[in-house]
Amino acid sequence: MMTTVKNNWKLLTGIILVIVIVSTYLFSDQSLHITSAIPSLLEKENKELFDRNAALDLKVHDLKIQAENLQGIIDQKDQEIYHLKTVLDENINRINNYSILELQQFFSRFTTDSLPH
């Protein structure tokens, strides 16, 4: 019987506490100030996010320009590599067609003018 009274007392205290908290929240002037301050806080945060978004858009634009410039440099270097490969292939084909005497002169770097008389 004693435990039943203690449980009822705890239940009654809990109910009263909940009623006090709910009534304080519902009837306080501060809750009205909070609800009126929320739209202005949201507008301020929205403006900050808009400014941050504009700054990020500017960074993205700058990065796109840099990427286009880098792509132009890459294309130019690809053309240079292609040209060098073409010249190398032409030189290899020319050397491939040399006779034995021409190969000896090519690799020894002798010319007819450099031979002793």
PDB file of N, CA and C in Angstrom:
ATOM      1  N   MET A   1       0.816  -1.193   0.000  1.00  0.00           N
ATOM      2  CA  MET A   1       0.000   0.000   0.000  1.00  0.00           C
ATOM      3  C   MET A   1       0.861   1.259   0.000  1.00  0.00           C
ATOM      4  N   MET A   2       1.983   1.171   0.661  1.00  0.00           N
ATOM      5  CA  MET A   2       2.877   2.309   0.738  1.00  0.00           C
ATOM      6  C   MET A   2       3.480   2.630  -0.636  1.00  0.00           C
ATOM      7  N   THR A   3       3.794   1.619  -1.423  1.00  0.00           N
ATOM      8  CA  THR A   3       4.355   1.850  -2.750  1.00  0.00           C
ATOM      9  C   THR A   3       3.324   2.470  -3.680  1.00  0.00           C
ATOM     10  N   THR A   4       2.065   2.123  -3.491  1.00  0.00           N
ATOM     11  CA  THR A   4       1.011   2.710  -4.315  1.00  0.00           C
ATOM     12  C   THR A   4       0.881   4.195  -4.047  1.00  0.00           C
ATOM     13  N   VAL A   5       0.992   4.613  -2.805  1.00  0.00           N
ATOM     14  CA  VAL A   5       0.894   6.020  -2.447  1.00  0.00           C
ATOM     15  C   VAL A   5       2.099   6.783  -3.017  1.00  0.00           C
ATOM     16  N   LYS A   6       3.300   6.167  -2.935  1.00  0.00           N
ATOM     17  CA  LYS A   6       4.489   6.816  -3.476  1.00  0.00           C
ATOM     18  C   LYS A   6       4.389   6.967  -4.987  1.00  0.00           C
ATOM     19  N   ASN A   7       3.879   5.953  -5.665  1.00  0.00           N
ATOM     20  CA  ASN A   7       3.717   6.024  -7.115  1.00  0.00           C
ATOM     21  C   ASN A   7       2.690   7.077  -7.509  1.00  0.00           C
ATOM     22  N   ASN A   8       1.597   7.160  -6.741  1.00  0.00           N
ATOM     23  CA  ASN A   8       0.583   8.180  -7.027  1.00  0.00           C
ATOM     24  C   ASN A   8       1.154   9.581  -6.804  1.00  0.00           C
ATOM     25  N   TRP A   9       1.948   9.736  -5.757  1.00  0.00           N
ATOM     26  CA  TRP A   9       2.550  11.031  -5.467  1.00  0.00           C
ATOM     27  C   TRP A   9       3.504  11.440  -6.605  1.00  0.00           C
ATOM     28  N   LYS A  10       4.317  10.523  -7.093  1.00  0.00           N
ATOM     29  CA  LYS A  10       5.224  10.793  -8.211  1.00  0.00           C
ATOM     30  C   LYS A  10       4.441  11.145  -9.472  1.00  0.00           C
ATOM     31  N   LEU A  11       3.352  10.425  -9.712  1.00  0.00           N
ATOM     32  CA  LEU A  11       2.521  10.689 -10.884  1.00  0.00           C
ATOM     33  C   LEU A  11       1.884  12.065 -10.794  1.00  0.00           C
ATOM     34  N   LEU A  12       1.369  12.405  -9.625  1.00  0.00           N
ATOM     35  CA  LEU A  12       0.737  13.706  -9.429  1.00  0.00           C
ATOM     36  C   LEU A  12       1.767  14.834  -9.590  1.00  0.00           C
ATOM     37  N   THR A  13       2.964  14.666  -9.064  1.00  0.00           N
ATOM     38  CA  THR A  13       4.026  15.670  -9.195  1.00  0.00           C
ATOM     39  C   THR A  13       4.430  15.829 -10.661  1.00  0.00           C
ATOM     40  N   GLY A  14       4.528  14.744 -11.382  1.00  0.00           N
ATOM     41  CA  GLY A  14       4.877  14.795 -12.796  1.00  0.00           C
ATOM     42  C   GLY A  14       3.832  15.520 -13.614  1.00  0.00           C
ATOM     43  N   ILE A  15       2.570  15.262 -13.331  1.00  0.00           N
ATOM     44  CA  ILE A  15       1.476  15.921 -14.062  1.00  0.00           C
ATOM     45  C   ILE A  15       1.489  17.424 -13.797  1.00  0.00           C
ATOM     46  N   ILE A  16       1.676  17.805 -12.550  1.00  0.00           N
ATOM     47  CA  ILE A  16       1.712  19.231 -12.199  1.00  0.00           C
ATOM     48  C   ILE A  16       2.898  19.911 -12.884  1.00  0.00           C
ATOM     49  N   LEU A  17       4.032  19.240 -12.890  1.00  0.00           N
ATOM     50  CA  LEU A  17       5.221  19.799 -13.533  1.00  0.00           C
ATOM     51  C   LEU A  17       4.999  20.002 -15.029  1.00  0.00           C
ATOM     52  N   VAL A  18       4.383  19.042 -15.681  1.00  0.00           N
ATOM     53  CA  VAL A  18       4.106  19.166 -17.115  1.00  0.00           C
ATOM     54  C   VAL A  18       3.128  20.305 -17.363  1.00  0.00           C
ATOM     55  N   ILE A  19       2.111  20.440 -16.541  1.00  0.00           N
ATOM     56  CA  ILE A  19       1.131  21.522 -16.705  1.00  0.00           C
ATOM     57  C   ILE A  19       1.801  22.881 -16.538  1.00  0.00           C
ATOM     58  N   VAL A  20       2.693  23.008 -15.547  1.00  0.00           N
ATOM     59  CA  VAL A  20       3.383  24.284 -15.323  1.00  0.00           C
ATOM     60  C   VAL A  20       4.268  24.634 -16.523  1.00  0.00           C
ATOM     61  N   ILE A  21       5.003  23.659 -17.026  1.00  0.00           N
ATOM     62  CA  ILE A  21       5.901  23.922 -18.160  1.00  0.00           C
ATOM     63  C   ILE A  21       5.105  24.303 -19.401  1.00  0.00           C
ATOM     64  N   VAL A  22       4.036  23.582 -19.672  1.00  0.00           N
ATOM     65  CA  VAL A  22       3.226  23.877 -20.861  1.00  0.00           C
ATOM     66  C   VAL A  22       2.551  25.228 -20.738  1.00  0.00           C
ATOM     67  N   SER A  23       2.014  25.545 -19.568  1.00  0.00           N
ATOM     68  CA  SER A  23       1.350  26.841 -19.403  1.00  0.00           C
ATOM     69  C   SER A  23       2.350  27.987 -19.468  1.00  0.00           C
ATOM     70  N   THR A  24       3.548  27.779 -18.952  1.00  0.00           N
ATOM     71  CA  THR A  24       4.574  28.823 -19.038  1.00  0.00           C
ATOM     72  C   THR A  24       4.935  29.082 -20.492  1.00  0.00           C
ATOM     73  N   TYR A  25       5.070  28.040 -21.257  1.00  0.00           N
ATOM     74  CA  TYR A  25       5.416  28.200 -22.666  1.00  0.00           C
ATOM     75  C   TYR A  25       4.274  28.852 -23.450  1.00  0.00           C
ATOM     76  N   LEU A  26       3.054  28.436 -23.199  1.00  0.00           N
ATOM     77  CA  LEU A  26       1.918  28.952 -23.956  1.00  0.00           C
ATOM     78  C   LEU A  26       1.592  30.403 -23.627  1.00  0.00           C
ATOM     79  N   PHE A  27       1.756  30.790 -22.385  1.00  0.00           N
ATOM     80  CA  PHE A  27       1.305  32.118 -21.972  1.00  0.00           C
ATOM     81  C   PHE A  27       2.436  33.116 -21.750  1.00  0.00           C
ATOM     82  N   SER A  28       3.628  32.776 -22.112  1.00  0.00           N
ATOM     83  CA  SER A  28       4.723  33.728 -21.908  1.00  0.00           C
ATOM     84  C   SER A  28       4.823  34.671 -23.107  1.00  0.00           C
ATOM     85  N   ASP A  29       5.244  35.887 -22.850  1.00  0.00           N
ATOM     86  CA  ASP A  29       5.442  36.885 -23.899  1.00  0.00           C
ATOM     87  C   ASP A  29       6.706  36.573 -24.707  1.00  0.00           C
ATOM     88  N   GLN A  30       7.611  35.863 -24.072  1.00  0.00           N
ATOM     89  CA  GLN A  30       8.870  35.556 -24.747  1.00  0.00           C
ATOM     90  C   GLN A  30       8.627  34.657 -25.961  1.00  0.00           C
ATOM     91  N   SER A  31       7.697  33.739 -25.881  1.00  0.00           N
ATOM     92  CA  SER A  31       7.420  32.869 -27.023  1.00  0.00           C
ATOM     93  C   SER A  31       6.879  33.680 -28.190  1.00  0.00           C
ATOM     94  N   LEU A  32       6.150  34.755 -27.890  1.00  0.00           N
ATOM     95  CA  LEU A  32       5.658  35.618 -28.959  1.00  0.00           C
ATOM     96  C   LEU A  32       6.813  36.374 -29.617  1.00  0.00           C
ATOM     97  N   HIS A  33       7.797  36.787 -28.821  1.00  0.00           N
ATOM     98  CA  HIS A  33       8.958  37.469 -29.384  1.00  0.00           C
ATOM     99  C   HIS A  33       9.779  36.516 -30.251  1.00  0.00           C
ATOM    100  N   ILE A  34       9.870  35.276 -29.828  1.00  0.00           N
ATOM    101  CA  ILE A  34      10.642  34.287 -30.593  1.00  0.00           C
ATOM    102  C   ILE A  34       9.975  34.049 -31.943  1.00  0.00           C
ATOM    103  N   THR A  35       8.656  33.900 -31.956  1.00  0.00           N
ATOM    104  CA  THR A  35       7.975  33.636 -33.215  1.00  0.00           C
ATOM    105  C   THR A  35       8.027  34.843 -34.145  1.00  0.00           C
ATOM    106  N   SER A  36       8.090  36.061 -33.586  1.00  0.00           N
ATOM    107  CA  SER A  36       8.196  37.230 -34.457  1.00  0.00           C
ATOM    108  C   SER A  36       9.639  37.452 -34.910  1.00  0.00           C
ATOM    109  N   ALA A  37      10.610  36.921 -34.164  1.00  0.00           N
ATOM    110  CA  ALA A  37      12.015  37.091 -34.531  1.00  0.00           C
ATOM    111  C   ALA A  37      12.455  36.065 -35.567  1.00  0.00           C
ATOM    112  N   ILE A  38      11.757  34.969 -35.657  1.00  0.00           N
ATOM    113  CA  ILE A  38      12.150  33.903 -36.585  1.00  0.00           C
ATOM    114  C   ILE A  38      12.170  34.378 -38.037  1.00  0.00           C
ATOM    115  N   PRO A  39      11.152  35.065 -38.540  1.00  0.00           N
ATOM    116  CA  PRO A  39      11.218  35.509 -39.942  1.00  0.00           C
ATOM    117  C   PRO A  39      12.404  36.440 -40.220  1.00  0.00           C
ATOM    118  N   SER A  40      12.696  37.352 -39.293  1.00  0.00           N
ATOM    119  CA  SER A  40      13.828  38.254 -39.537  1.00  0.00           C
ATOM    120  C   SER A  40      15.149  37.492 -39.504  1.00  0.00           C
ATOM    121  N   LEU A  41      15.270  36.492 -38.631  1.00  0.00           N
ATOM    122  CA  LEU A  41      16.477  35.665 -38.604  1.00  0.00           C
ATOM    123  C   LEU A  41      16.616  34.864 -39.891  1.00  0.00           C
ATOM    124  N   LEU A  42      15.488  34.359 -40.365  1.00  0.00           N
ATOM    125  CA  LEU A  42      15.524  33.599 -41.619  1.00  0.00           C
ATOM    126  C   LEU A  42      15.888  34.496 -42.799  1.00  0.00           C
ATOM    127  N   GLU A  43      15.376  35.717 -42.811  1.00  0.00           N
ATOM    128  CA  GLU A  43      15.725  36.649 -43.881  1.00  0.00           C
ATOM    129  C   GLU A  43      17.209  36.989 -43.845  1.00  0.00           C
ATOM    130  N   LYS A  44      17.742  37.185 -42.628  1.00  0.00           N
ATOM    131  CA  LYS A  44      19.167  37.496 -42.487  1.00  0.00           C
ATOM    132  C   LYS A  44      20.018  36.318 -42.971  1.00  0.00           C
ATOM    133  N   GLU A  45      19.649  35.123 -42.561  1.00  0.00           N
ATOM    134  CA  GLU A  45      20.401  33.938 -42.986  1.00  0.00           C
ATOM    135  C   GLU A  45      20.271  33.725 -44.498  1.00  0.00           C
ATOM    136  N   ASN A  46      19.096  33.995 -45.034  1.00  0.00           N
ATOM    137  CA  ASN A  46      18.885  33.872 -46.481  1.00  0.00           C
ATOM    138  C   ASN A  46      19.782  34.852 -47.240  1.00  0.00           C
ATOM    139  N   LYS A  47      19.903  36.084 -46.738  1.00  0.00           N
ATOM    140  CA  LYS A  47      20.765  37.080 -47.379  1.00  0.00           C
ATOM    141  C   LYS A  47      22.224  36.634 -47.311  1.00  0.00           C
ATOM    142  N   GLU A  48      22.654  36.111 -46.155  1.00  0.00           N
ATOM    143  CA  GLU A  48      24.034  35.628 -46.024  1.00  0.00           C
ATOM    144  C   GLU A  48      24.301  34.478 -46.993  1.00  0.00           C
ATOM    145  N   LEU A  49      23.343  33.574 -47.112  1.00  0.00           N
ATOM    146  CA  LEU A  49      23.507  32.457 -48.038  1.00  0.00           C
ATOM    147  C   LEU A  49      23.517  32.933 -49.485  1.00  0.00           C
ATOM    148  N   PHE A  50      22.722  33.936 -49.790  1.00  0.00           N
ATOM    149  CA  PHE A  50      22.712  34.491 -51.144  1.00  0.00           C
ATOM    150  C   PHE A  50      24.070  35.113 -51.477  1.00  0.00           C
ATOM    151  N   ASP A  51      24.637  35.865 -50.510  1.00  0.00           N
ATOM    152  CA  ASP A  51      25.956  36.477 -50.721  1.00  0.00           C
ATOM    153  C   ASP A  51      27.035  35.404 -50.888  1.00  0.00           C
ATOM    154  N   ARG A  52      26.964  34.359 -50.059  1.00  0.00           N
ATOM    155  CA  ARG A  52      27.940  33.269 -50.169  1.00  0.00           C
ATOM    156  C   ARG A  52      27.788  32.548 -51.506  1.00  0.00           C
ATOM    157  N   ASN A  53      26.557  32.378 -51.953  1.00  0.00           N
ATOM    158  CA  ASN A  53      26.299  31.730 -53.241  1.00  0.00           C
ATOM    159  C   ASN A  53      26.861  32.569 -54.389  1.00  0.00           C
ATOM    160  N   ALA A  54      26.709  33.886 -54.302  1.00  0.00           N
ATOM    161  CA  ALA A  54      27.245  34.767 -55.340  1.00  0.00           C
ATOM    162  C   ALA A  54      28.773  34.678 -55.375  1.00  0.00           C
ATOM    163  N   ALA A  55      29.411  34.619 -54.187  1.00  0.00           N
ATOM    164  CA  ALA A  55      30.873  34.491 -54.137  1.00  0.00           C
ATOM    165  C   ALA A  55      31.315  33.156 -54.738  1.00  0.00           C
ATOM    166  N   LEU A  56      30.580  32.095 -54.449  1.00  0.00           N
ATOM    167  CA  LEU A  56      30.918  30.777 -55.009  1.00  0.00           C
ATOM    168  C   LEU A  56      30.710  30.749 -56.516  1.00  0.00           C
ATOM    169  N   ASP A  57      29.670  31.428 -57.002  1.00  0.00           N
ATOM    170  CA  ASP A  57      29.454  31.512 -58.454  1.00  0.00           C
ATOM    171  C   ASP A  57      30.626  32.216 -59.135  1.00  0.00           C
ATOM    172  N   LEU A  58      31.144  33.255 -58.503  1.00  0.00           N
ATOM    173  CA  LEU A  58      32.293  33.974 -59.051  1.00  0.00           C
ATOM    174  C   LEU A  58      33.526  33.070 -59.077  1.00  0.00           C
ATOM    175  N   LYS A  59      33.731  32.290 -57.998  1.00  0.00           N
ATOM    176  CA  LYS A  59      34.864  31.362 -57.976  1.00  0.00           C
ATOM    177  C   LYS A  59      34.727  30.301 -59.065  1.00  0.00           C
ATOM    178  N   VAL A  60      33.513  29.787 -59.246  1.00  0.00           N
ATOM    179  CA  VAL A  60      33.286  28.772 -60.287  1.00  0.00           C
ATOM    180  C   VAL A  60      33.590  29.362 -61.657  1.00  0.00           C
ATOM    181  N   HIS A  61      33.169  30.591 -61.890  1.00  0.00           N
ATOM    182  CA  HIS A  61      33.443  31.260 -63.172  1.00  0.00           C
ATOM    183  C   HIS A  61      34.950  31.400 -63.396  1.00  0.00           C
ATOM    184  N   ASP A  62      35.670  31.832 -62.354  1.00  0.00           N
ATOM    185  CA  ASP A  62      37.130  31.966 -62.471  1.00  0.00           C
ATOM    186  C   ASP A  62      37.787  30.616 -62.747  1.00  0.00           C
ATOM    187  N   LEU A  63      37.321  29.573 -62.062  1.00  0.00           N
ATOM    188  CA  LEU A  63      37.894  28.243 -62.272  1.00  0.00           C
ATOM    189  C   LEU A  63      37.597  27.714 -63.676  1.00  0.00           C
ATOM    190  N   LYS A  64      36.425  28.046 -64.217  1.00  0.00           N
ATOM    191  CA  LYS A  64      36.114  27.641 -65.594  1.00  0.00           C
ATOM    192  C   LYS A  64      37.050  28.326 -66.586  1.00  0.00           C
ATOM    193  N   ILE A  65      37.330  29.605 -66.354  1.00  0.00           N
ATOM    194  CA  ILE A  65      38.253  30.329 -67.225  1.00  0.00           C
ATOM    195  C   ILE A  65      39.646  29.710 -67.138  1.00  0.00           C
ATOM    196  N   GLN A  66      40.085  29.385 -65.924  1.00  0.00           N
ATOM    197  CA  GLN A  66      41.393  28.747 -65.767  1.00  0.00           C
ATOM    198  C   GLN A  66      41.426  27.394 -66.461  1.00  0.00           C
ATOM    199  N   ALA A  67      40.349  26.636 -66.354  1.00  0.00           N
ATOM    200  CA  ALA A  67      40.289  25.322 -66.997  1.00  0.00           C
ATOM    201  C   ALA A  67      40.354  25.464 -68.520  1.00  0.00           C
ATOM    202  N   GLU A  68      39.673  26.464 -69.063  1.00  0.00           N
ATOM    203  CA  GLU A  68      39.724  26.693 -70.508  1.00  0.00           C
ATOM    204  C   GLU A  68      41.133  27.085 -70.950  1.00  0.00           C
ATOM    205  N   ASN A  69      41.808  27.935 -70.158  1.00  0.00           N
ATOM    206  CA  ASN A  69      43.178  28.319 -70.484  1.00  0.00           C
ATOM    207  C   ASN A  69      44.106  27.107 -70.439  1.00  0.00           C
ATOM    208  N   LEU A  70      43.940  26.281 -69.417  1.00  0.00           N
ATOM    209  CA  LEU A  70      44.765  25.078 -69.311  1.00  0.00           C
ATOM    210  C   LEU A  70      44.483  24.120 -70.466  1.00  0.00           C
ATOM    211  N   GLN A  71      43.229  24.017 -70.866  1.00  0.00           N
ATOM    212  CA  GLN A  71      42.898  23.147 -71.992  1.00  0.00           C
ATOM    213  C   GLN A  71      43.548  23.652 -73.268  1.00  0.00           C
ATOM    214  N   GLY A  72      43.600  24.972 -73.443  1.00  0.00           N
ATOM    215  CA  GLY A  72      44.289  25.548 -74.603  1.00  0.00           C
ATOM    216  C   GLY A  72      45.773  25.210 -74.591  1.00  0.00           C
ATOM    217  N   ILE A  73      46.398  25.293 -73.418  1.00  0.00           N
ATOM    218  CA  ILE A  73      47.816  24.942 -73.307  1.00  0.00           C
ATOM    219  C   ILE A  73      48.028  23.463 -73.604  1.00  0.00           C
ATOM    220  N   ILE A  74      47.133  22.621 -73.095  1.00  0.00           N
ATOM    221  CA  ILE A  74      47.233  21.174 -73.353  1.00  0.00           C
ATOM    222  C   ILE A  74      47.097  20.886 -74.840  1.00  0.00           C
ATOM    223  N   ASP A  75      46.157  21.541 -75.499  1.00  0.00           N
ATOM    224  CA  ASP A  75      45.982  21.346 -76.942  1.00  0.00           C
ATOM    225  C   ASP A  75      47.233  21.779 -77.714  1.00  0.00           C
ATOM    226  N   GLN A  76      47.825  22.897 -77.297  1.00  0.00           N
ATOM    227  CA  GLN A  76      49.041  23.378 -77.949  1.00  0.00           C
ATOM    228  C   GLN A  76      50.178  22.374 -77.751  1.00  0.00           C
ATOM    229  N   LYS A  77      50.333  21.863 -76.548  1.00  0.00           N
ATOM    230  CA  LYS A  77      51.392  20.884 -76.280  1.00  0.00           C
ATOM    231  C   LYS A  77      51.143  19.583 -77.040  1.00  0.00           C
ATOM    232  N   ASP A  78      49.892  19.194 -77.186  1.00  0.00           N
ATOM    233  CA  ASP A  78      49.574  17.996 -77.978  1.00  0.00           C
ATOM    234  C   ASP A  78      49.990  18.190 -79.436  1.00  0.00           C
ATOM    235  N   GLN A  79      49.768  19.393 -79.975  1.00  0.00           N
ATOM    236  CA  GLN A  79      50.182  19.679 -81.348  1.00  0.00           C
ATOM    237  C   GLN A  79      51.710  19.625 -81.477  1.00  0.00           C
ATOM    238  N   GLU A  80      52.414  20.163 -80.478  1.00  0.00           N
ATOM    239  CA  GLU A  80      53.878  20.117 -80.503  1.00  0.00           C
ATOM    240  C   GLU A  80      54.375  18.674 -80.440  1.00  0.00           C
ATOM    241  N   ILE A  81      53.763  17.863 -79.592  1.00  0.00           N
ATOM    242  CA  ILE A  81      54.150  16.448 -79.490  1.00  0.00           C
ATOM    243  C   ILE A  81      53.897  15.739 -80.816  1.00  0.00           C
ATOM    244  N   TYR A  82      52.756  15.996 -81.432  1.00  0.00           N
ATOM    245  CA  TYR A  82      52.437  15.378 -82.719  1.00  0.00           C
ATOM    246  C   TYR A  82      53.474  15.784 -83.771  1.00  0.00           C
ATOM    247  N   HIS A  83      53.835  17.073 -83.784  1.00  0.00           N
ATOM    248  CA  HIS A  83      54.822  17.556 -84.752  1.00  0.00           C
ATOM    249  C   HIS A  83      56.181  16.886 -84.504  1.00  0.00           C
ATOM    250  N   LEU A  84      56.593  16.788 -83.240  1.00  0.00           N
ATOM    251  CA  LEU A  84      57.879  16.156 -82.922  1.00  0.00           C
ATOM    252  C   LEU A  84      57.888  14.675 -83.302  1.00  0.00           C
ATOM    253  N   LYS A  85      56.763  13.993 -83.067  1.00  0.00           N
ATOM    254  CA  LYS A  85      56.674  12.584 -83.464  1.00  0.00           C
ATOM    255  C   LYS A  85      56.758  12.437 -84.985  1.00  0.00           C
ATOM    256  N   THR A  86      56.131  13.351 -85.692  1.00  0.00           N
ATOM    257  CA  THR A  86      56.185  13.300 -87.151  1.00  0.00           C
ATOM    258  C   THR A  86      57.612  13.512 -87.645  1.00  0.00           C
ATOM    259  N   VAL A  87      58.297  14.492 -87.093  1.00  0.00           N
ATOM    260  CA  VAL A  87      59.686  14.763 -87.480  1.00  0.00           C
ATOM    261  C   VAL A  87      60.568  13.567 -87.129  1.00  0.00           C
ATOM    262  N   LEU A  88      60.349  12.984 -85.955  1.00  0.00           N
ATOM    263  CA  LEU A  88      61.128  11.815 -85.545  1.00  0.00           C
ATOM    264  C   LEU A  88      60.893  10.639 -86.496  1.00  0.00           C
ATOM    265  N   ASP A  89      59.639  10.393 -86.848  1.00  0.00           N
ATOM    266  CA  ASP A  89      59.335   9.306 -87.794  1.00  0.00           C
ATOM    267  C   ASP A  89      59.988   9.558 -89.149  1.00  0.00           C
ATOM    268  N   GLU A  90      59.969  10.806 -89.604  1.00  0.00           N
ATOM    269  CA  GLU A  90      60.605  11.135 -90.883  1.00  0.00           C
ATOM    270  C   GLU A  90      62.108  10.899 -90.818  1.00  0.00           C
ATOM    271  N   ASN A  91      62.730  11.300 -89.707  1.00  0.00           N
ATOM    272  CA  ASN A  91      64.170  11.085 -89.555  1.00  0.00           C
ATOM    273  C   ASN A  91      64.507   9.593 -89.487  1.00  0.00           C
ATOM    274  N   ILE A  92      63.694   8.841 -88.789  1.00  0.00           N
ATOM    275  CA  ILE A  92      63.927   7.397 -88.696  1.00  0.00           C
ATOM    276  C   ILE A  92      63.796   6.756 -90.079  1.00  0.00           C
ATOM    277  N   ASN A  93      62.777   7.142 -90.819  1.00  0.00           N
ATOM    278  CA  ASN A  93      62.605   6.595 -92.167  1.00  0.00           C
ATOM    279  C   ASN A  93      63.767   6.992 -93.084  1.00  0.00           C
ATOM    280  N   ARG A  94      64.233   8.232 -92.955  1.00  0.00           N
ATOM    281  CA  ARG A  94      65.363   8.674 -93.778  1.00  0.00           C
ATOM    282  C   ARG A  94      66.626   7.871 -93.434  1.00  0.00           C
ATOM    283  N   ILE A  95      66.890   7.681 -92.122  1.00  0.00           N
ATOM    284  CA  ILE A  95      68.064   6.911 -91.711  1.00  0.00           C
ATOM    285  C   ILE A  95      67.917   5.450 -92.122  1.00  0.00           C
ATOM    286  N   ASN A  96      66.720   4.951 -92.084  1.00  0.00           N
ATOM    287  CA  ASN A  96      66.453   3.564 -92.467  1.00  0.00           C
ATOM    288  C   ASN A  96      66.800   3.318 -93.938  1.00  0.00           C
ATOM    289  N   ASN A  97      66.677   4.335 -94.759  1.00  0.00           N
ATOM    290  CA  ASN A  97      66.967   4.198 -96.185  1.00  0.00           C
ATOM    291  C   ASN A  97      68.440   4.462 -96.533  1.00  0.00           C
ATOM    292  N   TYR A  98      69.271   4.781 -95.550  1.00  0.00           N
ATOM    293  CA  TYR A  98      70.695   5.037 -95.814  1.00  0.00           C
ATOM    294  C   TYR A  98      71.407   3.755 -96.238  1.00  0.00           C
ATOM    295  N   SER A  99      72.437   3.945 -97.031  1.00  0.00           N
ATOM    296  CA  SER A  99      73.307   2.813 -97.372  1.00  0.00           C
ATOM    297  C   SER A  99      74.292   2.606 -96.220  1.00  0.00           C
ATOM    298  N   ILE A 100      75.107   1.569 -96.314  1.00  0.00           N
ATOM    299  CA  ILE A 100      76.059   1.279 -95.237  1.00  0.00           C
ATOM    300  C   ILE A 100      77.070   2.416 -95.102  1.00  0.00           C
ATOM    301  N   LEU A 101      77.542   2.948 -96.210  1.00  0.00           N
ATOM    302  CA  LEU A 101      78.498   4.057 -96.179  1.00  0.00           C
ATOM    303  C   LEU A 101      77.868   5.302 -95.554  1.00  0.00           C
ATOM    304  N   GLU A 102      76.621   5.578 -95.942  1.00  0.00           N
ATOM    305  CA  GLU A 102      75.929   6.743 -95.364  1.00  0.00           C
ATOM    306  C   GLU A 102      75.678   6.553 -93.875  1.00  0.00           C
ATOM    307  N   LEU A 103      75.370   5.319 -93.443  1.00  0.00           N
ATOM    308  CA  LEU A 103      75.173   5.040 -92.020  1.00  0.00           C
ATOM    309  C   LEU A 103      76.465   5.250 -91.244  1.00  0.00           C
ATOM    310  N   GLN A 104      77.582   4.791 -91.839  1.00  0.00           N
ATOM    311  CA  GLN A 104      78.872   4.968 -91.171  1.00  0.00           C
ATOM    312  C   GLN A 104      79.189   6.461 -91.024  1.00  0.00           C
ATOM    313  N   GLN A 105      78.953   7.217 -92.045  1.00  0.00           N
ATOM    314  CA  GLN A 105      79.204   8.655 -91.972  1.00  0.00           C
ATOM    315  C   GLN A 105      78.247   9.332 -90.977  1.00  0.00           C
ATOM    316  N   PHE A 106      77.013   8.868 -90.955  1.00  0.00           N
ATOM    317  CA  PHE A 106      76.020   9.470 -90.046  1.00  0.00           C
ATOM    318  C   PHE A 106      76.406   9.234 -88.588  1.00  0.00           C
ATOM    319  N   PHE A 107      76.761   7.985 -88.258  1.00  0.00           N
ATOM    320  CA  PHE A 107      77.036   7.671 -86.861  1.00  0.00           C
ATOM    321  C   PHE A 107      78.436   8.097 -86.427  1.00  0.00           C
ATOM    322  N   SER A 108      79.366   8.213 -87.332  1.00  0.00           N
ATOM    323  CA  SER A 108      80.713   8.654 -86.957  1.00  0.00           C
ATOM    324  C   SER A 108      80.858  10.162 -87.092  1.00  0.00           C
ATOM    325  N   ARG A 109      79.890  10.784 -87.689  1.00  0.00           N
ATOM    326  CA  ARG A 109      79.856  12.234 -87.910  1.00  0.00           C
ATOM    327  C   ARG A 109      80.999  12.703 -88.815  1.00  0.00           C
ATOM    328  N   PHE A 110      81.467  11.815 -89.625  1.00  0.00           N
ATOM    329  CA  PHE A 110      82.501  12.186 -90.601  1.00  0.00           C
ATOM    330  C   PHE A 110      81.829  12.718 -91.856  1.00  0.00           C
ATOM    331  N   THR A 111      82.458  13.674 -92.421  1.00  0.00           N
ATOM    332  CA  THR A 111      82.037  14.165 -93.725  1.00  0.00           C
ATOM    333  C   THR A 111      83.239  14.092 -94.641  1.00  0.00           C
ATOM    334  N   THR A 112      83.029  14.264 -95.899  1.00  0.00           N
ATOM    335  CA  THR A 112      84.151  14.193 -96.847  1.00  0.00           C
ATOM    336  C   THR A 112      85.154  15.302 -96.628  1.00  0.00           C
ATOM    337  N   ASP A 113      84.681  16.410 -96.075  1.00  0.00           N
ATOM    338  CA  ASP A 113      85.591  17.530 -95.815  1.00  0.00           C
ATOM    339  C   ASP A 113      86.463  17.289 -94.584  1.00  0.00           C
ATOM    340  N   SER A 114      86.017  16.413 -93.678  1.00  0.00           N
ATOM    341  CA  SER A 114      86.755  16.228 -92.441  1.00  0.00           C
ATOM    342  C   SER A 114      87.796  15.115 -92.534  1.00  0.00           C
ATOM    343  N   LEU A 115      87.861  14.384 -93.635  1.00  0.00           N
ATOM    344  CA  LEU A 115      88.858  13.335 -93.789  1.00  0.00           C
ATOM    345  C   LEU A 115      90.217  13.955 -94.086  1.00  0.00           C
ATOM    346  N   PRO A 116      91.287  13.353 -93.545  1.00  0.00           N
ATOM    347  CA  PRO A 116      92.614  13.912 -93.851  1.00  0.00           C
ATOM    348  C   PRO A 116      93.000  13.676 -95.309  1.00  0.00           C
ATOM    349  N   HIS A 117      93.810  14.544 -95.909  1.00  0.00           N
ATOM    350  CA  HIS A 117      94.197  14.432 -97.304  1.00  0.00           C
ATOM    351  C   HIS A 117      95.582  13.899 -97.422  1.00  0.00           C
TER     352      HIS A 117
END
